[in-house]
Amino acid sequence: RQQATRPIEVIEGPLMDGMNVVGDLFGEGKMFLPQVVKSARVMKQAVAYLEPFIEASKEQGKTNGKMVIATVKGDVHDIGKNIVGVVLQCN
């Protein structure tokens, strides 16, 4: 976080780079579902850590409206939804 100007840069940079590697390895059959799920959990924890920094960097009173995004409860694929949600919150 200290090397990035904005918290979103951490998500869009090293965190997404890592998830892209996970996706590539899974696609090549070199990584299996348990490792993918663990990677998604780590990503969620990292994003949760960054959320207070994201909130602190927002301009007070500025809003672009509301958007609703969702997945089925308990869906292991909700990491994409969560990433989109954080990116939208930052912008």
Foldseek 3Di string as FASTA:
>chain_A
DVVDPALVCCCVPPLVVVLVVVVVCVVVVNDDDVVNLVSLVVSVVSLVVCVVRLVVPDDPPDDDDDDDDDDPPPDSPCSVVVNVVSVVSND
